[in-house]
């Protein structure tokens, strides 16, 4: 009976530590990607203003 309980516990969903690691990885990726997205938009705005003149 104890073996069944142990196997059920080991097959449970994500632990809190695993979820925190996933959140840290996602936040690091967002920190890398978001500044690049905003820089491209600002560069495109400057190019549009140059073409208007």
N, C-alpha and C. Protein backbone atom coordinates (compact mmCIF):
# COMPACT_ATOMS: atom_id res chain seq x y z
N UNK A 1 0.83 -1.20 0.00
CA UNK A 1 0.00 0.00 0.00
C UNK A 1 0.87 1.26 0.00
N UNK A 2 1.97 1.24 0.74
CA UNK A 2 2.83 2.42 0.78
C UNK A 2 3.47 2.69 -0.57
N UNK A 3 3.77 1.63 -1.31
CA UNK A 3 4.35 1.83 -2.64
C UNK A 3 3.37 2.54 -3.56
N UNK A 4 2.11 2.23 -3.46
CA UNK A 4 1.10 2.87 -4.29
C UNK A 4 1.01 4.36 -3.95
N UNK A 5 1.03 4.67 -2.68
CA UNK A 5 0.95 6.07 -2.26
C UNK A 5 2.18 6.84 -2.72
N UNK A 6 3.35 6.23 -2.62
CA UNK A 6 4.57 6.91 -3.06
C UNK A 6 4.55 7.16 -4.56
N UNK A 7 4.07 6.19 -5.33
CA UNK A 7 4.05 6.39 -6.79
C UNK A 7 3.03 7.44 -7.17
N UNK A 8 1.94 7.51 -6.48
CA UNK A 8 0.95 8.55 -6.78
C UNK A 8 1.50 9.93 -6.47
N UNK A 9 2.24 10.06 -5.39
CA UNK A 9 2.82 11.35 -5.04
C UNK A 9 3.89 11.76 -6.04
N UNK A 10 4.66 10.82 -6.53
CA UNK A 10 5.73 11.16 -7.46
C UNK A 10 5.18 11.53 -8.84
N UNK A 11 3.97 11.12 -9.16
CA UNK A 11 3.37 11.44 -10.46
C UNK A 11 2.46 12.65 -10.38
N UNK A 12 2.55 13.41 -9.32
CA UNK A 12 1.68 14.57 -9.17
C UNK A 12 2.08 15.68 -10.14
N UNK A 13 1.32 16.75 -10.13
CA UNK A 13 1.56 17.87 -11.05
C UNK A 13 2.85 18.59 -10.68
N UNK A 14 3.10 19.73 -11.36
CA UNK A 14 4.31 20.49 -11.13
C UNK A 14 4.42 20.92 -9.67
N UNK A 15 5.62 20.94 -9.16
CA UNK A 15 5.83 21.44 -7.81
C UNK A 15 5.99 22.96 -7.86
N UNK A 16 5.99 23.55 -6.72
CA UNK A 16 6.11 25.01 -6.64
C UNK A 16 7.46 25.47 -7.17
N UNK A 17 8.50 24.73 -6.89
CA UNK A 17 9.84 25.11 -7.35
C UNK A 17 9.91 25.05 -8.87
N UNK A 18 9.31 24.02 -9.48
CA UNK A 18 9.33 23.93 -10.93
C UNK A 18 8.58 25.09 -11.57
N UNK A 19 7.44 25.46 -10.98
CA UNK A 19 6.67 26.59 -11.51
C UNK A 19 7.45 27.89 -11.38
N UNK A 20 8.16 28.06 -10.27
CA UNK A 20 8.96 29.28 -10.09
C UNK A 20 10.09 29.33 -11.11
N UNK A 21 10.71 28.20 -11.39
CA UNK A 21 11.79 28.16 -12.38
C UNK A 21 11.24 28.54 -13.76
N UNK A 22 10.08 28.02 -14.10
CA UNK A 22 9.47 28.36 -15.39
C UNK A 22 9.17 29.85 -15.46
N UNK A 23 8.65 30.42 -14.39
CA UNK A 23 8.36 31.86 -14.37
C UNK A 23 9.63 32.69 -14.51
N UNK A 24 10.70 32.26 -13.88
CA UNK A 24 11.98 32.99 -13.99
C UNK A 24 12.49 32.94 -15.43
N UNK A 25 12.40 31.78 -16.06
CA UNK A 25 12.87 31.65 -17.44
C UNK A 25 12.04 32.52 -18.37
N UNK A 26 10.73 32.52 -18.19
CA UNK A 26 9.86 33.35 -19.04
C UNK A 26 10.15 34.82 -18.82
N UNK A 27 10.37 35.23 -17.58
CA UNK A 27 10.65 36.65 -17.32
C UNK A 27 11.99 37.07 -17.92
N UNK A 28 12.98 36.20 -17.88
CA UNK A 28 14.28 36.53 -18.49
C UNK A 28 14.13 36.67 -20.00
N UNK A 29 13.37 35.76 -20.61
CA UNK A 29 13.14 35.86 -22.06
C UNK A 29 12.39 37.14 -22.42
N UNK A 30 11.42 37.53 -21.60
CA UNK A 30 10.69 38.77 -21.85
C UNK A 30 11.61 39.98 -21.70
N UNK A 31 12.51 39.95 -20.74
CA UNK A 31 13.44 41.05 -20.57
C UNK A 31 14.37 41.19 -21.77
N UNK A 32 14.66 40.09 -22.43
CA UNK A 32 15.52 40.13 -23.61
C UNK A 32 14.73 40.62 -24.83
N UNK A 33 13.49 40.15 -24.97
CA UNK A 33 12.72 40.41 -26.19
C UNK A 33 12.07 41.79 -26.18
N UNK A 34 11.49 42.21 -25.09
CA UNK A 34 10.70 43.45 -25.07
C UNK A 34 11.49 44.70 -25.43
N UNK A 35 12.69 44.90 -24.93
CA UNK A 35 13.42 46.11 -25.36
C UNK A 35 13.69 46.13 -26.86
N UNK A 36 13.93 44.98 -27.45
CA UNK A 36 14.15 44.93 -28.89
C UNK A 36 12.90 45.31 -29.67
N UNK A 37 11.75 44.91 -29.18
CA UNK A 37 10.50 45.25 -29.85
C UNK A 37 10.27 46.75 -29.80
N UNK A 38 10.49 47.35 -28.64
CA UNK A 38 10.28 48.79 -28.52
C UNK A 38 11.31 49.57 -29.33
N UNK A 39 12.53 49.10 -29.40
CA UNK A 39 13.54 49.78 -30.19
C UNK A 39 13.19 49.76 -31.67
N UNK A 40 12.67 48.68 -32.17
CA UNK A 40 12.29 48.60 -33.58
C UNK A 40 11.16 49.57 -33.89
N UNK A 41 10.22 49.70 -32.97
CA UNK A 41 9.12 50.63 -33.20
C UNK A 41 9.61 52.08 -33.21
N UNK A 42 10.49 52.40 -32.30
CA UNK A 42 10.99 53.78 -32.26
C UNK A 42 11.85 54.08 -33.50
N UNK A 43 12.61 53.11 -33.96
CA UNK A 43 13.42 53.30 -35.16
C UNK A 43 12.51 53.48 -36.37
N UNK A 44 11.46 52.69 -36.46
CA UNK A 44 10.54 52.83 -37.59
C UNK A 44 9.82 54.17 -37.57
N UNK A 45 9.53 54.70 -36.40
CA UNK A 45 8.90 56.02 -36.32
C UNK A 45 9.85 57.11 -36.82
N UNK A 46 11.12 56.99 -36.48
CA UNK A 46 12.10 57.97 -36.91
C UNK A 46 12.26 57.90 -38.43
N UNK A 47 12.28 56.70 -38.98
CA UNK A 47 12.41 56.55 -40.43
C UNK A 47 11.21 57.13 -41.15
N UNK A 48 10.03 56.94 -40.61
CA UNK A 48 8.80 57.51 -41.20
C UNK A 48 8.87 59.03 -41.19
N UNK A 49 9.36 59.61 -40.10
CA UNK A 49 9.46 61.07 -40.03
C UNK A 49 10.49 61.59 -41.03
N UNK A 50 11.56 60.86 -41.26
CA UNK A 50 12.57 61.28 -42.23
C UNK A 50 12.02 61.25 -43.66
N UNK A 51 11.18 60.26 -43.94
CA UNK A 51 10.62 60.15 -45.28
C UNK A 51 9.55 61.20 -45.55
N UNK A 52 8.89 61.67 -44.51
CA UNK A 52 7.86 62.68 -44.67
C UNK A 52 8.50 64.01 -45.08
N UNK A 53 9.65 64.31 -44.53
CA UNK A 53 10.31 65.58 -44.84
C UNK A 53 10.93 65.43 -46.20
